[in-house]
Structures are given as C-alpha cells and as structure tokens.
Amino acid sequence: MGDFFMKTNVPVLRLTVDRFIALAQPDSRMSLPPATVGAINKGAKAVEAIVRNKVPVYGVNTGIGDLCDVYLSGDKLAELQENIIMSHACGGEPYFADDVARGALFLVVNARAKGYSGITVGAIQKLIALFDHGVAPLLPMQGSLGASGDLIPLAHLALPLLGKGDVRVNGKRISAASVLRKLGITHTLLPKEALSLINGTEVTTSQAAFAVYGAERFLAGSVRATAALFEIFGARTSSIDADIHALKPHPGQVAVARDLRKYLRGSALVDRPKAKAQDPYVIRCTPQVDGAILGEIMRTKTTVEIELNSVTDNPLFFVKGGKVKALSGGNFHAQALAFALDGLAIALTAGSKVIERRVERLLNSSLSGLPPFLIFESGTNTGLMIPHYLIAALVAENSVLAHPASIQTLPVSANQEDFVSMAMTSATKAAQILRNCERILAIELLLVAQAMDIMIEQKAVKLSSFSASARGIKETVRRSVQTLKKDRLVSKDIDAILSHLRNGDFL
C-alpha cells in the first residue's frame, strides 16, 4: 500500500473484500462518530440493567459453555471476565500474518461498535488506540473450531487490552504491557466484555477475505497466462467465440471467454494450421474450467462479504422502546464460511492441476515444438526441467489439503457445543493452497516469457506478432529476470515473479 493512508468512521459503509484489505493495512486508522457512540452506550446500559436486576443472562452473570447454569454476582463478575480471557488464551505458534491479525482487530471493533454486543465505549476506544498505534496482535493459527467463535485466537486478541502477552508493531515483537504504558491505557473488563471479545468469526473472516482477494488475482493471472499459451501454441480461437458461450452462459465461463478474447486482440499467432483438429482441454476448455473456478471464488466472496458485515458474538442485546431483549443464539457458528472455503480450496487445487498440465505442454518438446525444457542448449543444460518437479510437489500438497475440513466436527464442552464448523481449518488450508498456486503460476509465467524469447530468437517470430497482453507478461517478467541462456539458480527468479504476481503487476 506504500504511503496510502485511510481514516474511516466505524461502522463503515458496507465492507467489501477490497475495502477490508485496504483497512487492514498498517497505516489505516479508525474513529468513533457520535451516532456510533450512542448505539454502543445503549448496549452497555442494557448489560448494566441486567446485572443490577440480577437477571441471569449467559456470559453476563453466568458461567460459559457447559457452565452456563452457574449464576454469579458481586466480585465474581469481574473475576469471571479476566478468567474467561486467561483460560481461553492457550494457543501458540504459528501465528497469523500481521495483516490478517490487524484485519481481525478491525472487524472486532467494527462489529462491536454496532451496539448489539454490550461492550463499553471505553473498551472499543482502547482497541482502536491499539489499532491506530499499528499493533498486530499475536493470533494463533490453531485452536479455533469455528463455533462459539474463534475462541482461542480471539482470546489472544483480547490479551493486549489487559496488558498481557506480546504483540507486533512494525514487524517487531514487543510486550503488550509496554504498548499500554506508552499509550497510557489501562482497562478492567466489565460484565459481558470478555465474552464479547472472544465470541465471533473475525479471525477466520479476516483470513478468508485475504484468501479470496489473492484467489481473484491468481485466477486473473492464470487466464492471462493461458491467453499467451494460445499464441505460443497457435491455438484456435473458435473455442472462445461468444456464440459458443451464449449457449452455456455460466457467468464465470462467459467472463473468462471474454477476457481471453480481450487478451488475444492483435495477435498474429493464433489459429495456426495444425495436424490435430482440436486443441487439448487445458487450452480449449479454459472458459469452462477457469470459469467454474471463478464462479467458486465469487460464491466464496459473497459469503465472506456477508460475514464481514455481520455481528457474530453472543448473546446480543436489542434495545427498543426502553425495553431490552437479550438474545442467545449462534451467529458465532461459521458453517457458511467453512463450506465456502472448502469449495474455494477445491477450486484452487483444480486450477493448480490445470497449470501443471499446461507447463508439461511447454516443457515437452514433442508437444510444444520448442527445445526440450525451454533451454537454448540442452544436454549440458537442464533448463527448466526441475521447476516442473516443484510444481508437481505443490500440486500433490494441494490435493491433500483440498480434503474438506467442514465435515470434521468434534463435540466439546461436555457435549454442549456438539457440532462445530472447523472453519478456521478450512480457511488455513485454503490460504496455503493459494500460496502454492501463486508459486505454481509464477513458474508458468517464467516459462511463458522464456518460450516467447526462444520463439523470437530461434523461430524468427517478431515480438510485434504477439498480443499486447503477452508482450506485457514478458516485459513484467524481464524487469526482474533475465532470459535463461544457461543453467543458473532460478529460485530467486521464481521469487521475483511471485512478488510481481502478489503485487498485482500481472493484472
């Protein structure tokens, strides 16, 4: 994001994935407008009334989980709040990346500021102070069951408010106590505040949003790489004719075919005469396959954006006409996210397998008509043979990770919480599959640029014969990576292209 700076009131206008990604950046800031303060105060006063009138409400003046029938009062209420955080903060390494952690912190503030959670303005303002100071809480990647919220990671998110545990600021790990001292913050949790902070889907939702954001970029780059392969292989453009796709109008299929037509404008290399009457599926069926992947990404995005704008803790308080409704429900249950993220994982895995097949066609001289393994002098040079092995290993890993987590429920809390979503496991797997896919695509883009250079040097193909899109791929790759003339260390080449890909340079 560079020097980008954003200040937003919360609750914000409807969150989209793109807007959320921007808001999670280190230089983003938040503030509470007066109308929001009023809504928060209503919820907090509702909790005060419940405590004052000794009305048993889950998590306010009762134990939690299977201890929900244990009524508490007096000093026990304050003790309960801190104990909830301390008992739940049992996670450890590995921790989420700082952007995911800050995204979760933002979502906790944004949702609680809507006034249904019973948390006080003071607590929210102190969370905002941490956010504005650039704090990224250390959130464990393991431990959430995706029901009753992301309990363990969110307990670690709440720890800094108590001056406990560590955080990261500007990538440096420091104690939360030192940050609170610098900001002049102290806080004693009031009834319901601890439960409000640990109930919710915010950590899973943050990770899911980053996964969807990356998946869109990955697929856009993959489609563009496929267009370049149409030119390298001289493929027929009849397969992307709009009339074909009008007869099977899945939105993703139509969109991918349209993008391929756009990318191939001006190419003099497609529709070359061939011995075979039809192109292989990984070329000819790109709209149908990548279009289906796009459809899955967009369905996941819709689910994630609903979750981004939801209130997911429990219980929730509704104040109407001076009357208070304390409703205990299950908005913390992340089954919708779990299903969507498992679907995304499967779709991305399919995408990685398609790229592997395309790479095989580039490297196999009997299929490509180019030198074996895309090296100018083969035999003494191995060329780009071995990056295909890396792709094969990553595809195999994706295939294992694509097994759904959303069906792996296990009962906990003495069978009180007897069906859980495992959404965070689904999110973590999808994020790892995405990282593998990005590296696989980076290798393919390296091969595309190499194949173009070989065609220009050895087959007298003019650079101008390629489409502007293909020339753009080659230009972006060559900013950081030279043409491979002889064997060299290519891991840094792949990393450089991967950086371009994640920065959106191939969009």
Protein backbone atom coordinates (compact mmCIF):
# COMPACT_ATOMS: atom_id res chain seq x y z
CA MET A 1 0.00 0.00 0.00
CA GLY A 2 3.04 2.29 0.15
CA ASP A 3 2.20 5.69 1.67
CA PHE A 4 -1.51 5.02 1.47
CA PHE A 5 -3.41 6.42 4.48
CA MET A 6 -7.04 5.81 5.25
CA LYS A 7 -9.16 7.09 8.12
CA THR A 8 -12.67 5.71 8.42
CA ASN A 9 -15.56 6.01 10.80
CA VAL A 10 -16.93 2.77 12.22
CA PRO A 11 -19.27 1.20 11.50
CA VAL A 12 -18.01 1.80 7.97
CA LEU A 13 -20.02 1.79 4.79
CA ARG A 14 -20.70 -1.74 3.68
CA LEU A 15 -17.43 -3.62 3.68
CA THR A 16 -16.26 -5.29 0.52
CA VAL A 17 -13.26 -7.59 0.38
CA ASP A 18 -11.19 -4.95 -1.40
CA ARG A 19 -12.09 -2.22 1.09
CA PHE A 20 -11.39 -4.52 4.01
CA ILE A 21 -7.92 -5.37 2.66
CA ALA A 22 -7.14 -1.64 2.48
CA LEU A 23 -8.43 -1.06 6.02
CA ALA A 24 -6.24 -3.82 7.45
CA GLN A 25 -3.02 -2.11 6.37
CA PRO A 26 -0.56 -0.73 8.97
CA ASP A 27 -1.32 2.92 8.22
CA SER A 28 -5.10 2.62 8.37
CA ARG A 29 -6.88 4.46 11.22
CA MET A 30 -10.32 4.37 12.86
CA SER A 31 -12.57 6.75 14.81
CA LEU A 32 -15.98 6.59 16.50
CA PRO A 33 -18.63 9.03 15.24
CA PRO A 34 -21.22 10.31 17.76
CA ALA A 35 -24.06 8.18 16.37
CA THR A 36 -22.00 5.06 16.90
CA VAL A 37 -21.16 6.06 20.47
CA GLY A 38 -24.88 6.32 21.20
CA ALA A 39 -25.55 2.84 19.85
CA ILE A 40 -22.69 1.34 21.87
CA ASN A 41 -23.90 3.03 25.06
CA LYS A 42 -27.38 1.56 24.60
CA GLY A 43 -25.97 -1.96 24.55
CA ALA A 44 -23.68 -1.30 27.52
CA LYS A 45 -26.54 0.14 29.57
CA ALA A 46 -28.61 -2.92 28.77
CA VAL A 47 -25.92 -5.07 30.37
CA GLU A 48 -25.82 -2.75 33.39
CA ALA A 49 -29.57 -3.19 33.85
CA ILE A 50 -29.30 -6.97 33.59
CA VAL A 51 -26.62 -7.06 36.30
CA ARG A 52 -28.47 -4.60 38.51
CA ASN A 53 -31.73 -6.54 38.26
CA LYS A 54 -29.96 -9.89 38.68
CA VAL A 55 -31.48 -11.35 35.53
CA PRO A 56 -29.48 -14.45 34.57
CA VAL A 57 -28.03 -13.91 31.07
CA TYR A 58 -25.43 -16.18 29.57
CA GLY A 59 -21.89 -14.82 29.82
CA VAL A 60 -23.00 -11.68 31.65
CA ASN A 61 -23.62 -13.18 35.07
CA THR A 62 -23.33 -16.91 34.38
CA GLY A 63 -20.53 -19.26 33.56
CA ILE A 64 -19.86 -20.14 29.93
CA GLY A 65 -20.02 -23.28 27.83
CA ASP A 66 -21.47 -26.17 29.80
CA LEU A 67 -21.19 -23.97 32.93
CA CYS A 68 -23.96 -21.73 31.64
CA ASP A 69 -26.27 -22.63 34.54
CA VAL A 70 -23.84 -21.34 37.20
CA TYR A 71 -25.11 -17.91 38.36
CA LEU A 72 -22.52 -15.34 39.51
CA SER A 73 -22.75 -11.97 41.28
CA GLY A 74 -20.69 -9.35 43.08
CA ASP A 75 -16.92 -9.59 42.81
CA LYS A 76 -17.26 -12.85 40.90
CA LEU A 77 -18.44 -10.93 37.84
CA ALA A 78 -15.14 -9.07 37.43
CA GLU A 79 -13.19 -12.22 38.19
CA LEU A 80 -15.17 -14.09 35.55
CA GLN A 81 -14.24 -11.60 32.82
CA GLU A 82 -10.49 -11.86 33.27
CA ASN A 83 -10.68 -15.61 33.82
CA ILE A 84 -12.52 -16.03 30.52
CA ILE A 85 -9.68 -14.36 28.62
CA MET A 86 -6.90 -16.09 30.55
CA SER A 87 -8.40 -19.57 30.32
CA HIS A 88 -9.07 -19.31 26.60
CA ALA A 89 -5.68 -17.85 25.60
CA CYS A 90 -3.97 -21.24 25.39
CA GLY A 91 -2.69 -21.05 21.81
CA GLY A 92 0.83 -20.62 20.48
CA GLU A 93 2.92 -20.63 17.34
CA PRO A 94 2.45 -20.48 14.43
CA TYR A 95 0.80 -17.06 14.41
CA PHE A 96 -1.17 -15.37 11.66
CA ALA A 97 0.49 -12.78 9.46
CA ASP A 98 0.20 -9.21 10.74
CA ASP A 99 -2.26 -8.14 8.03
CA VAL A 100 -4.67 -10.96 8.94
CA ALA A 101 -4.30 -10.13 12.66
CA ARG A 102 -4.95 -6.42 12.12
CA GLY A 103 -7.89 -7.30 9.92
CA ALA A 104 -9.35 -9.37 12.75
CA LEU A 105 -8.82 -6.50 15.20
CA PHE A 106 -10.56 -4.13 12.81
CA LEU A 107 -13.52 -6.49 12.43
CA VAL A 108 -13.88 -6.92 16.19
CA VAL A 109 -14.08 -3.14 16.60
CA ASN A 110 -16.36 -2.68 13.62
CA ALA A 111 -18.87 -5.32 14.71
CA ARG A 112 -18.90 -4.42 18.42
CA ALA A 113 -19.36 -0.74 17.55
CA LYS A 114 -22.76 -1.52 16.07
CA GLY A 115 -24.12 -1.59 19.60
CA TYR A 116 -25.51 -5.11 19.95
CA SER A 117 -22.69 -6.65 21.98
CA GLY A 118 -22.96 -4.92 25.37
CA ILE A 119 -19.34 -3.78 25.30
CA THR A 120 -18.47 -0.28 26.54
CA VAL A 121 -17.27 2.68 24.51
CA GLY A 122 -14.13 2.73 26.65
CA ALA A 123 -13.18 -0.80 25.67
CA ILE A 124 -13.72 -0.09 21.99
CA GLN A 125 -11.75 3.15 22.11
CA LYS A 126 -8.82 1.33 23.68
CA LEU A 127 -8.92 -1.33 20.96
CA ILE A 128 -8.93 1.50 18.40
CA ALA A 129 -5.90 3.06 20.13
CA LEU A 130 -4.05 -0.23 19.74
CA PHE A 131 -5.09 -0.46 16.08
CA ASP A 132 -4.05 3.13 15.36
CA HIS A 133 -0.70 2.50 17.01
CA GLY A 134 -0.03 -0.16 14.36
CA VAL A 135 -0.48 -3.10 16.70
CA ALA A 136 -0.88 -6.57 15.23
CA PRO A 137 -1.96 -8.99 17.98
CA LEU A 138 -0.26 -12.39 18.00
CA LEU A 139 -3.11 -14.66 16.94
CA PRO A 140 -2.55 -18.45 16.96
CA MET A 141 -3.38 -20.16 13.68
CA GLN A 142 -4.54 -23.27 15.51
CA GLY A 143 -7.26 -23.80 18.08
CA SER A 144 -10.45 -22.34 16.66
CA LEU A 145 -13.28 -24.79 15.98
CA GLY A 146 -15.28 -22.19 14.08
CA ALA A 147 -18.14 -22.32 16.59
CA SER A 148 -18.63 -20.27 19.75
CA GLY A 149 -16.43 -18.07 17.65
CA ASP A 150 -12.69 -18.16 17.12
CA LEU A 151 -12.35 -18.54 20.90
CA ILE A 152 -8.64 -19.21 21.31
CA PRO A 153 -7.30 -16.73 18.72
CA LEU A 154 -9.73 -14.02 19.86
CA ALA A 155 -8.70 -14.53 23.49
CA HIS A 156 -5.16 -13.75 22.34
CA LEU A 157 -6.53 -10.68 20.57
CA ALA A 158 -8.07 -9.53 23.85
CA LEU A 159 -4.95 -10.18 25.95
CA PRO A 160 -3.23 -6.89 24.98
CA LEU A 161 -6.19 -4.95 26.38
CA LEU A 162 -5.23 -6.45 29.74
CA GLY A 163 -1.54 -5.68 29.23
CA LYS A 164 -0.71 -9.37 28.85
CA GLY A 165 1.12 -11.29 26.17
CA ASP A 166 3.03 -9.91 23.20
CA VAL A 167 2.10 -8.03 20.05
CA ARG A 168 3.90 -6.97 16.89
CA VAL A 169 4.41 -3.35 15.90
CA ASN A 170 6.18 -2.65 12.60
CA GLY A 171 7.09 -6.32 12.46
CA LYS A 172 8.84 -6.23 15.85
CA ARG A 173 7.58 -8.40 18.69
CA ILE A 174 7.16 -6.45 21.96
CA SER A 175 5.19 -6.84 25.16
CA ALA A 176 1.60 -5.63 25.24
CA ALA A 177 2.31 -4.07 28.65
CA SER A 178 4.92 -1.74 27.11
CA VAL A 179 2.45 -0.64 24.45
CA LEU A 180 -0.23 0.11 27.05
CA ARG A 181 2.26 2.13 29.09
CA LYS A 182 3.22 4.15 26.02
CA LEU A 183 -0.43 4.82 25.20
CA GLY A 184 -1.43 5.43 28.82
CA ILE A 185 -4.08 2.72 28.69
CA THR A 186 -5.48 0.55 31.45
CA HIS A 187 -8.72 -1.41 31.30
CA THR A 188 -10.79 -3.55 33.63
CA LEU A 189 -13.21 -5.79 31.78
CA LEU A 190 -16.86 -5.22 32.67
CA PRO A 191 -19.62 -7.86 32.51
CA LYS A 192 -20.02 -9.36 29.01
CA GLU A 193 -16.92 -7.63 27.63
CA ALA A 194 -14.70 -10.71 27.78
CA LEU A 195 -17.28 -12.92 26.12
CA SER A 196 -17.96 -10.25 23.51
CA LEU A 197 -14.29 -10.14 22.63
CA ILE A 198 -13.79 -13.90 22.27
CA ASN A 199 -17.10 -14.77 20.58
CA GLY A 200 -17.16 -14.14 16.85
CA THR A 201 -15.81 -15.25 13.48
CA GLU A 202 -13.49 -12.28 12.94
CA VAL A 203 -10.17 -14.15 12.69
CA THR A 204 -11.50 -16.72 10.24
CA THR A 205 -13.26 -13.98 8.28
CA SER A 206 -10.10 -11.91 8.04
CA GLN A 207 -8.08 -14.86 6.75
CA ALA A 208 -10.90 -15.78 4.37
CA ALA A 209 -11.01 -12.25 2.94
CA PHE A 210 -7.28 -12.29 2.23
CA ALA A 211 -7.63 -15.73 0.61
CA VAL A 212 -10.45 -14.55 -1.67
CA TYR A 213 -8.53 -11.39 -2.55
CA GLY A 214 -5.49 -13.45 -3.51
CA ALA A 215 -7.56 -16.04 -5.35
CA GLU A 216 -9.05 -13.39 -7.63
CA ARG A 217 -5.57 -12.14 -8.50
CA PHE A 218 -4.27 -15.65 -9.02
CA LEU A 219 -7.02 -16.58 -11.43
CA ALA A 220 -6.73 -13.33 -13.37
CA GLY A 221 -3.03 -14.05 -13.85
CA SER A 222 -3.74 -17.64 -14.81
CA VAL A 223 -6.22 -16.64 -17.50
CA ARG A 224 -3.77 -14.12 -18.89
CA ALA A 225 -1.02 -16.75 -18.97
CA THR A 226 -3.40 -19.08 -20.83
CA ALA A 227 -4.00 -16.41 -23.45
CA ALA A 228 -0.25 -16.26 -24.03
CA LEU A 229 -0.24 -20.04 -24.46
CA PHE A 230 -2.89 -19.71 -27.16
CA GLU A 231 -0.26 -17.68 -29.05
CA ILE A 232 2.73 -19.88 -28.24
CA PHE A 233 0.84 -22.99 -29.38
CA GLY A 234 -1.03 -21.27 -32.22
CA ALA A 235 -4.32 -22.44 -30.71
CA ARG A 236 -7.68 -21.98 -32.34
CA THR A 237 -9.82 -19.11 -31.10
CA SER A 238 -13.07 -20.83 -32.10
CA SER A 239 -13.24 -22.23 -28.54
CA ILE A 240 -13.63 -18.73 -27.10
CA ASP A 241 -16.18 -17.46 -29.62
CA ALA A 242 -19.01 -15.66 -27.83
CA ASP A 243 -21.66 -17.69 -29.67
CA ILE A 244 -20.48 -20.91 -28.01
CA HIS A 245 -20.67 -19.47 -24.53
CA ALA A 246 -24.06 -17.87 -25.09
CA LEU A 247 -25.40 -21.44 -25.21
CA LYS A 248 -23.94 -22.28 -21.79
CA PRO A 249 -24.00 -18.93 -20.04
CA HIS A 250 -22.43 -19.62 -16.66
CA PRO A 251 -21.24 -16.15 -15.62
CA GLY A 252 -17.69 -17.29 -14.91
CA GLN A 253 -17.42 -19.12 -18.23
CA VAL A 254 -18.70 -16.12 -20.16
CA ALA A 255 -16.32 -13.79 -18.30
CA VAL A 256 -13.23 -15.94 -18.90
CA ALA A 257 -14.01 -16.33 -22.61
CA ARG A 258 -14.47 -12.58 -22.86
CA ASP A 259 -11.14 -11.97 -21.12
CA LEU A 260 -9.33 -14.38 -23.42
CA ARG A 261 -10.74 -12.60 -26.46
CA LYS A 262 -9.61 -9.29 -24.99
CA TYR A 263 -6.09 -10.53 -24.24
CA LEU A 264 -5.68 -12.02 -27.72
CA ARG A 265 -6.58 -8.86 -29.63
CA GLY A 266 -3.89 -8.01 -32.14
CA SER A 267 -2.19 -11.42 -32.06
CA ALA A 268 -0.88 -12.73 -35.36
CA LEU A 269 0.00 -16.12 -33.85
CA VAL A 270 -3.31 -17.77 -33.05
CA ASP A 271 -5.24 -20.08 -35.41
CA ARG A 272 -2.09 -21.51 -36.98
CA PRO A 273 -2.56 -24.68 -39.14
CA LYS A 274 -2.08 -27.90 -37.16
CA ALA A 275 -2.13 -31.64 -37.66
CA LYS A 276 -4.75 -32.20 -34.95
CA ALA A 277 -8.26 -30.93 -35.48
CA GLN A 278 -8.74 -29.72 -31.91
CA ASP A 279 -6.62 -28.23 -29.14
CA PRO A 280 -6.18 -30.04 -25.79
CA TYR A 281 -8.63 -29.41 -23.00
CA VAL A 282 -6.32 -27.20 -20.92
CA ILE A 283 -6.46 -24.73 -23.81
CA ARG A 284 -9.80 -25.37 -25.47
CA CYS A 285 -11.85 -25.72 -22.26
CA THR A 286 -10.31 -22.80 -20.39
CA PRO A 287 -13.60 -20.86 -20.23
CA GLN A 288 -15.45 -23.87 -18.86
CA VAL A 289 -12.76 -24.84 -16.31
CA ASP A 290 -11.38 -21.47 -15.22
CA GLY A 291 -14.89 -20.08 -15.43
CA ALA A 292 -16.04 -22.66 -12.89
CA ILE A 293 -13.10 -21.73 -10.65
CA LEU A 294 -14.08 -18.07 -10.98
CA GLY A 295 -17.64 -18.96 -10.05
CA GLU A 296 -16.43 -20.67 -6.88
CA ILE A 297 -14.26 -17.69 -5.98
CA MET A 298 -17.19 -15.32 -6.41
CA ARG A 299 -19.52 -17.53 -4.34
CA THR A 300 -16.91 -17.57 -1.58
CA LYS A 301 -16.53 -13.82 -1.88
CA THR A 302 -20.26 -13.32 -1.40
CA THR A 303 -20.19 -15.44 1.77
CA VAL A 304 -17.13 -13.63 3.09
CA GLU A 305 -18.63 -10.20 2.45
CA ILE A 306 -21.80 -11.15 4.33
CA GLU A 307 -19.60 -12.24 7.24
CA LEU A 308 -17.51 -9.04 7.04
CA ASN A 309 -20.66 -7.03 7.70
CA SER A 310 -22.17 -9.28 10.37
CA VAL A 311 -22.38 -9.19 14.16
CA THR A 312 -21.25 -12.62 15.31
CA ASP A 313 -20.83 -12.62 19.08
CA ASN A 314 -23.29 -13.92 21.69
CA PRO A 315 -25.54 -13.06 23.42
CA LEU A 316 -26.79 -9.95 21.60
CA PHE A 317 -28.79 -7.08 23.06
CA PHE A 318 -31.66 -5.26 21.35
CA VAL A 319 -33.00 -2.08 22.96
CA LYS A 320 -36.38 -0.92 21.65
CA GLY A 321 -38.74 1.49 23.37
CA GLY A 322 -36.77 1.27 26.58
CA LYS A 323 -37.10 -2.50 26.69
CA VAL A 324 -34.14 -4.84 26.49
CA LYS A 325 -34.05 -8.18 24.68
CA ALA A 326 -31.02 -10.33 25.50
CA LEU A 327 -30.97 -13.00 22.81
CA SER A 328 -28.70 -16.00 22.96
CA GLY A 329 -28.11 -17.52 19.54
CA GLY A 330 -25.39 -18.87 17.31
CA ASN A 331 -24.11 -16.17 14.94
CA PHE A 332 -20.63 -17.24 16.02
CA HIS A 333 -21.10 -20.51 14.12
CA ALA A 334 -19.07 -20.29 10.93
CA GLN A 335 -20.54 -23.17 8.94
CA ALA A 336 -21.24 -20.96 5.92
CA LEU A 337 -17.60 -19.86 5.87
CA ALA A 338 -16.38 -23.43 6.30
CA PHE A 339 -18.37 -24.73 3.33
CA ALA A 340 -17.38 -21.77 1.15
CA LEU A 341 -13.68 -22.04 2.00
CA ASP A 342 -13.61 -25.78 1.36
CA GLY A 343 -15.15 -25.07 -2.03
CA LEU A 344 -12.52 -22.42 -2.70
CA ALA A 345 -9.76 -24.87 -1.73
CA ILE A 346 -11.07 -27.49 -4.15
CA ALA A 347 -11.39 -24.97 -6.98
CA LEU A 348 -7.88 -23.59 -6.46
CA THR A 349 -6.47 -27.11 -6.36
CA ALA A 350 -8.10 -27.82 -9.71
CA GLY A 351 -6.56 -24.61 -11.02
CA SER A 352 -3.11 -25.73 -9.91
CA LYS A 353 -3.54 -29.07 -11.72
CA VAL A 354 -4.57 -27.30 -14.92
CA ILE A 355 -1.43 -25.16 -14.78
CA GLU A 356 0.73 -28.26 -14.24
CA ARG A 357 -0.71 -29.74 -17.45
CA ARG A 358 -0.06 -26.51 -19.33
CA VAL A 359 3.52 -26.48 -18.06
CA GLU A 360 4.01 -30.05 -19.29
CA ARG A 361 2.97 -28.92 -22.77
CA LEU A 362 5.51 -26.08 -22.65
CA LEU A 363 8.41 -28.22 -21.46
CA ASN A 364 7.74 -31.32 -23.60
CA SER A 365 9.29 -30.64 -26.99
CA SER A 366 7.07 -33.22 -28.70
CA LEU A 367 4.04 -31.19 -27.62
CA SER A 368 5.42 -27.65 -27.88
CA GLY A 369 7.69 -27.74 -30.90
CA LEU A 370 10.19 -25.81 -28.79
CA PRO A 371 13.57 -27.00 -27.44
CA PRO A 372 13.34 -29.53 -24.59
CA PHE A 373 12.79 -27.85 -21.22
CA LEU A 374 12.95 -24.43 -22.90
CA ILE A 375 16.74 -24.12 -22.89
CA PHE A 376 18.77 -22.86 -25.83
CA GLU A 377 21.48 -25.52 -25.50
CA SER A 378 20.04 -28.71 -23.99
CA GLY A 379 22.12 -31.63 -22.81
CA THR A 380 24.80 -29.71 -20.98
CA ASN A 381 22.00 -27.52 -19.63
CA THR A 382 18.95 -28.95 -17.86
CA GLY A 383 16.96 -25.79 -18.44
CA LEU A 384 13.58 -25.51 -16.75
CA MET A 385 13.03 -29.23 -16.23
CA ILE A 386 13.19 -29.20 -12.44
CA PRO A 387 10.75 -26.36 -11.66
CA HIS A 388 8.16 -28.79 -13.04
CA TYR A 389 9.10 -31.11 -10.17
CA LEU A 390 8.42 -28.30 -7.72
CA ILE A 391 5.03 -27.79 -9.34
CA ALA A 392 4.28 -31.50 -9.04
CA ALA A 393 5.13 -31.43 -5.32
CA LEU A 394 2.95 -28.38 -4.72
CA VAL A 395 0.04 -29.89 -6.65
CA ALA A 396 0.33 -33.06 -4.58
CA GLU A 397 0.24 -30.99 -1.39
CA ASN A 398 -2.80 -29.09 -2.67
CA SER A 399 -4.58 -32.36 -3.37
CA VAL A 400 -4.14 -33.44 0.24
CA LEU A 401 -5.11 -30.04 1.65
CA ALA A 402 -8.24 -29.89 -0.52
CA HIS A 403 -9.92 -32.56 1.61
CA PRO A 404 -12.80 -30.71 3.32
CA ALA A 405 -12.48 -29.65 6.95
CA SER A 406 -16.12 -28.59 7.21
CA ILE A 407 -17.22 -32.20 7.81
CA GLN A 408 -14.69 -32.87 10.57
CA THR A 409 -16.84 -31.78 13.53
CA LEU A 410 -15.95 -32.94 17.05
CA PRO A 411 -18.09 -32.22 20.15
CA VAL A 412 -16.58 -30.18 23.01
CA SER A 413 -17.60 -28.58 26.32
CA ALA A 414 -19.24 -31.70 27.73
CA ASN A 415 -21.24 -32.06 24.50
CA GLN A 416 -22.84 -28.62 24.92
CA GLU A 417 -21.03 -27.46 21.78
CA ASP A 418 -21.72 -30.63 19.88
CA PHE A 419 -21.43 -29.61 16.24
CA VAL A 420 -18.66 -27.24 15.17
CA SER A 421 -17.69 -25.95 11.73
CA MET A 422 -13.87 -26.17 11.71
CA ALA A 423 -14.00 -23.03 9.55
CA MET A 424 -10.57 -21.81 10.58
CA THR A 425 -9.05 -25.08 9.42
CA SER A 426 -10.88 -24.59 6.12
CA ALA A 427 -9.52 -21.04 5.90
CA THR A 428 -5.96 -22.04 6.78
CA LYS A 429 -5.95 -24.83 4.19
CA ALA A 430 -7.36 -22.55 1.51
CA ALA A 431 -4.72 -19.92 2.27
CA GLN A 432 -1.91 -22.47 1.98
CA ILE A 433 -3.32 -23.83 -1.27
CA LEU A 434 -3.44 -20.27 -2.59
CA ARG A 435 0.23 -19.71 -1.69
CA ASN A 436 1.13 -22.91 -3.54
CA CYS A 437 -0.96 -21.85 -6.54
CA GLU A 438 0.76 -18.48 -6.69
CA ARG A 439 4.18 -20.14 -6.80
CA ILE A 440 2.99 -22.57 -9.47
CA LEU A 441 1.69 -19.70 -11.58
CA ALA A 442 4.93 -17.76 -11.08
CA ILE A 443 6.80 -20.71 -12.59
CA GLU A 444 4.42 -20.83 -15.55
CA LEU A 445 4.89 -17.10 -16.18
CA LEU A 446 8.65 -17.65 -16.14
CA LEU A 447 8.18 -20.37 -18.76
CA VAL A 448 5.88 -18.21 -20.88
CA ALA A 449 8.48 -15.42 -21.09
CA GLN A 450 11.23 -17.97 -21.86
CA ALA A 451 9.15 -19.59 -24.60
CA MET A 452 8.49 -16.19 -26.18
CA ASP A 453 12.21 -15.38 -26.18
CA ILE A 454 13.00 -18.72 -27.82
CA MET A 455 10.35 -18.17 -30.49
CA ILE A 456 11.75 -14.71 -31.21
CA GLU A 457 15.39 -15.84 -31.35
CA GLN A 458 15.13 -19.29 -32.91
CA LYS A 459 11.92 -19.17 -34.95
CA ALA A 460 12.16 -15.60 -36.22
CA VAL A 461 8.83 -14.65 -34.66
CA LYS A 462 8.53 -10.90 -34.31
CA LEU A 463 7.73 -9.55 -30.86
CA SER A 464 5.05 -7.43 -32.50
CA SER A 465 3.31 -10.63 -33.63
CA PHE A 466 2.32 -11.28 -30.02
CA SER A 467 -0.65 -9.59 -28.43
CA ALA A 468 -0.13 -6.59 -26.19
CA SER A 469 -1.10 -8.80 -23.25
CA ALA A 470 1.60 -11.40 -23.98
CA ARG A 471 4.18 -8.67 -24.52
CA GLY A 472 3.14 -7.22 -21.17
CA ILE A 473 3.75 -10.55 -19.41
CA LYS A 474 7.20 -10.79 -20.95
CA GLU A 475 8.02 -7.20 -20.05
CA THR A 476 6.95 -7.68 -16.42
CA VAL A 477 8.96 -10.89 -16.05
CA ARG A 478 12.02 -9.33 -17.67
CA ARG A 479 12.00 -6.43 -15.21
CA SER A 480 13.49 -8.83 -12.68
CA VAL A 481 14.51 -11.99 -14.53
CA GLN A 482 16.86 -12.35 -17.48
CA THR A 483 16.35 -14.85 -20.29
CA LEU A 484 17.74 -18.25 -19.31
CA LYS A 485 20.63 -18.95 -21.68
CA LYS A 486 22.48 -21.44 -19.47
CA ASP A 487 21.66 -23.15 -16.20
CA ARG A 488 21.61 -20.90 -13.17
CA LEU A 489 19.90 -20.61 -9.82
CA VAL A 490 16.26 -19.98 -10.70
CA SER A 491 14.74 -19.94 -7.21
CA LYS A 492 15.33 -16.19 -6.98
CA ASP A 493 13.80 -15.79 -10.44
CA ILE A 494 10.63 -17.54 -9.25
CA ASP A 495 10.54 -15.45 -6.08
CA ALA A 496 10.85 -12.23 -8.09
CA ILE A 497 7.96 -13.18 -10.38
CA LEU A 498 5.95 -14.27 -7.34
CA SER A 499 6.44 -10.82 -5.87
CA HIS A 500 5.17 -9.23 -9.09
CA LEU A 501 2.18 -11.55 -9.04
CA ARG A 502 1.22 -10.71 -5.44
CA ASN A 503 1.65 -7.01 -6.13
CA GLY A 504 -0.89 -7.24 -8.92
CA ASP A 505 1.61 -6.48 -11.68
CA PHE A 506 0.07 -9.13 -13.98
CA LEU A 507 -3.48 -7.82 -13.65
